[in-house]
Amino acid sequence: MKLKLSILILLFSSFCYEQSLQQIDQLIEKEMKSDQVAAIVVAVIDFGEIVHLRANGFRDLEKKTKASINTPFHIASVSKTVL
């Protein structure tokens, strides 16, 4: 089974981090299920400071090995949009 991996980088500023971060986590879980994404790492950065960093899903679906923030991802040409 091929592993479908995605990376989502969210940049936002908010006065209400806790509620916003919970909403982001819920959105990520929903999108992972609907798009059949095996693993994703989310980073929320506010004014250059990481305010939220979380890995979701599995790096190996067959072995049920969980993804971590250090899991390498194949991102191909996606990196061209991140400067």
C-alpha atoms as a PDB file:
ATOM      1  CA  MET A   1       0.000   0.000   0.000  1.00  0.00           C
ATOM      2  CA  LYS A   2       1.393   3.363  -0.968  1.00  0.00           C
ATOM      3  CA  LEU A   3       1.657   5.943   1.744  1.00  0.00           C
ATOM      4  CA  LYS A   4       0.002   9.234   0.918  1.00  0.00           C
ATOM      5  CA  LEU A   5       1.723  12.018   2.811  1.00  0.00           C
ATOM      6  CA  SER A   6       0.961  15.683   3.003  1.00  0.00           C
ATOM      7  CA  ILE A   7       2.430  18.706   4.695  1.00  0.00           C
ATOM      8  CA  LEU A   8       0.357  21.642   5.676  1.00  0.00           C
ATOM      9  CA  ILE A   9       1.953  24.835   6.881  1.00  0.00           C
ATOM     10  CA  LEU A  10      -0.392  27.329   8.417  1.00  0.00           C
ATOM     11  CA  LEU A  11       0.683  30.861   9.163  1.00  0.00           C
ATOM     12  CA  PHE A  12      -1.728  32.933  11.182  1.00  0.00           C
ATOM     13  CA  SER A  13      -2.010  35.481  13.956  1.00  0.00           C
ATOM     14  CA  SER A  14      -4.760  35.365  16.548  1.00  0.00           C
ATOM     15  CA  PHE A  15      -5.495  36.704  20.007  1.00  0.00           C
ATOM     16  CA  CYS A  16      -7.337  33.516  20.914  1.00  0.00           C
ATOM     17  CA  TYR A  17      -4.739  30.803  20.216  1.00  0.00           C
ATOM     18  CA  GLU A  18      -6.288  27.998  22.227  1.00  0.00           C
ATOM     19  CA  GLN A  19      -9.657  28.056  20.484  1.00  0.00           C
ATOM     20  CA  SER A  20      -8.090  28.642  17.064  1.00  0.00           C
ATOM     21  CA  LEU A  21      -5.604  25.803  17.540  1.00  0.00           C
ATOM     22  CA  GLN A  22      -8.392  23.406  18.542  1.00  0.00           C
ATOM     23  CA  GLN A  23     -10.310  24.387  15.408  1.00  0.00           C
ATOM     24  CA  ILE A  24      -7.205  23.795  13.292  1.00  0.00           C
ATOM     25  CA  ASP A  25      -6.717  20.338  14.844  1.00  0.00           C
ATOM     26  CA  GLN A  26     -10.364  19.461  14.143  1.00  0.00           C
ATOM     27  CA  LEU A  27     -10.068  20.682  10.545  1.00  0.00           C
ATOM     28  CA  ILE A  28      -6.870  18.671  10.015  1.00  0.00           C
ATOM     29  CA  GLU A  29      -8.470  15.469  11.348  1.00  0.00           C
ATOM     30  CA  LYS A  30     -11.531  15.980   9.129  1.00  0.00           C
ATOM     31  CA  GLU A  31      -9.458  16.652   6.001  1.00  0.00           C
ATOM     32  CA  MET A  32      -7.174  13.688   6.680  1.00  0.00           C
ATOM     33  CA  LYS A  33     -10.178  11.361   6.768  1.00  0.00           C
ATOM     34  CA  SER A  34     -11.896  12.803   3.699  1.00  0.00           C
ATOM     35  CA  ASP A  35      -8.708  12.883   1.575  1.00  0.00           C
ATOM     36  CA  GLN A  36      -7.288   9.607   2.947  1.00  0.00           C
ATOM     37  CA  VAL A  37      -4.076  11.287   4.078  1.00  0.00           C
ATOM     38  CA  ALA A  38      -1.802   8.936   6.005  1.00  0.00           C
ATOM     39  CA  ALA A  39       0.234  11.564   7.850  1.00  0.00           C
ATOM     40  CA  ILE A  40       0.603  15.300   8.214  1.00  0.00           C
ATOM     41  CA  VAL A  41       2.665  17.730  10.261  1.00  0.00           C
ATOM     42  CA  VAL A  42       1.164  21.115  11.102  1.00  0.00           C
ATOM     43  CA  ALA A  43       3.159  24.142  12.200  1.00  0.00           C
ATOM     44  CA  VAL A  44       1.510  27.388  13.248  1.00  0.00           C
ATOM     45  CA  ILE A  45       3.886  30.329  13.307  1.00  0.00           C
ATOM     46  CA  ASP A  46       3.118  33.751  14.735  1.00  0.00           C
ATOM     47  CA  PHE A  47       5.638  36.529  14.162  1.00  0.00           C
ATOM     48  CA  GLY A  48       8.458  34.032  13.680  1.00  0.00           C
ATOM     49  CA  GLU A  49       7.619  31.979  16.782  1.00  0.00           C
ATOM     50  CA  ILE A  50       6.262  28.427  16.578  1.00  0.00           C
ATOM     51  CA  VAL A  51       3.066  28.462  18.652  1.00  0.00           C
ATOM     52  CA  HIS A  52       1.783  25.025  17.627  1.00  0.00           C
ATOM     53  CA  LEU A  53       3.555  21.991  16.207  1.00  0.00           C
ATOM     54  CA  ARG A  54       1.798  18.660  15.832  1.00  0.00           C
ATOM     55  CA  ALA A  55       2.127  15.425  13.876  1.00  0.00           C
ATOM     56  CA  ASN A  56      -0.964  13.410  12.982  1.00  0.00           C
ATOM     57  CA  GLY A  57      -1.389   9.997  11.404  1.00  0.00           C
ATOM     58  CA  PHE A  58       0.989   7.167  10.592  1.00  0.00           C
ATOM     59  CA  ARG A  59       4.339   7.129   8.848  1.00  0.00           C
ATOM     60  CA  ASP A  60       3.782   3.409   8.174  1.00  0.00           C
ATOM     61  CA  LEU A  61       0.159   2.322   7.840  1.00  0.00           C
ATOM     62  CA  GLU A  62       0.863  -1.413   7.828  1.00  0.00           C
ATOM     63  CA  LYS A  63       2.967  -1.323  11.003  1.00  0.00           C
ATOM     64  CA  LYS A  64       0.856   1.476  12.558  1.00  0.00           C
ATOM     65  CA  THR A  65       4.010   3.494  13.236  1.00  0.00           C
ATOM     66  CA  LYS A  66       2.924   6.994  14.217  1.00  0.00           C
ATOM     67  CA  ALA A  67       4.265  10.052  12.429  1.00  0.00           C
ATOM     68  CA  SER A  68       6.323  12.541  14.405  1.00  0.00           C
ATOM     69  CA  ILE A  69       7.510  16.084  13.824  1.00  0.00           C
ATOM     70  CA  ASN A  70      10.782  14.500  12.664  1.00  0.00           C
ATOM     71  CA  THR A  71       9.187  12.197  10.076  1.00  0.00           C
ATOM     72  CA  PRO A  72      10.719  12.883   6.652  1.00  0.00           C
ATOM     73  CA  PHE A  73       8.171  13.731   3.952  1.00  0.00           C
ATOM     74  CA  HIS A  74       8.550  13.721   0.182  1.00  0.00           C
ATOM     75  CA  ILE A  75       7.358  17.201  -0.758  1.00  0.00           C
ATOM     76  CA  ALA A  76       8.478  17.416  -4.411  1.00  0.00           C
ATOM     77  CA  SER A  77       7.648  20.795  -5.980  1.00  0.00           C
ATOM     78  CA  VAL A  78       5.605  22.010  -3.012  1.00  0.00           C
ATOM     79  CA  SER A  79       8.762  23.617  -1.623  1.00  0.00           C
ATOM     80  CA  LYS A  80       8.767  26.127  -4.483  1.00  0.00           C
ATOM     81  CA  THR A  81       5.852  27.954  -2.864  1.00  0.00           C
ATOM     82  CA  VAL A  82       7.539  28.214   0.547  1.00  0.00           C
ATOM     83  CA  LEU A  83      10.170  30.926   0.745  1.00  0.00           C
END
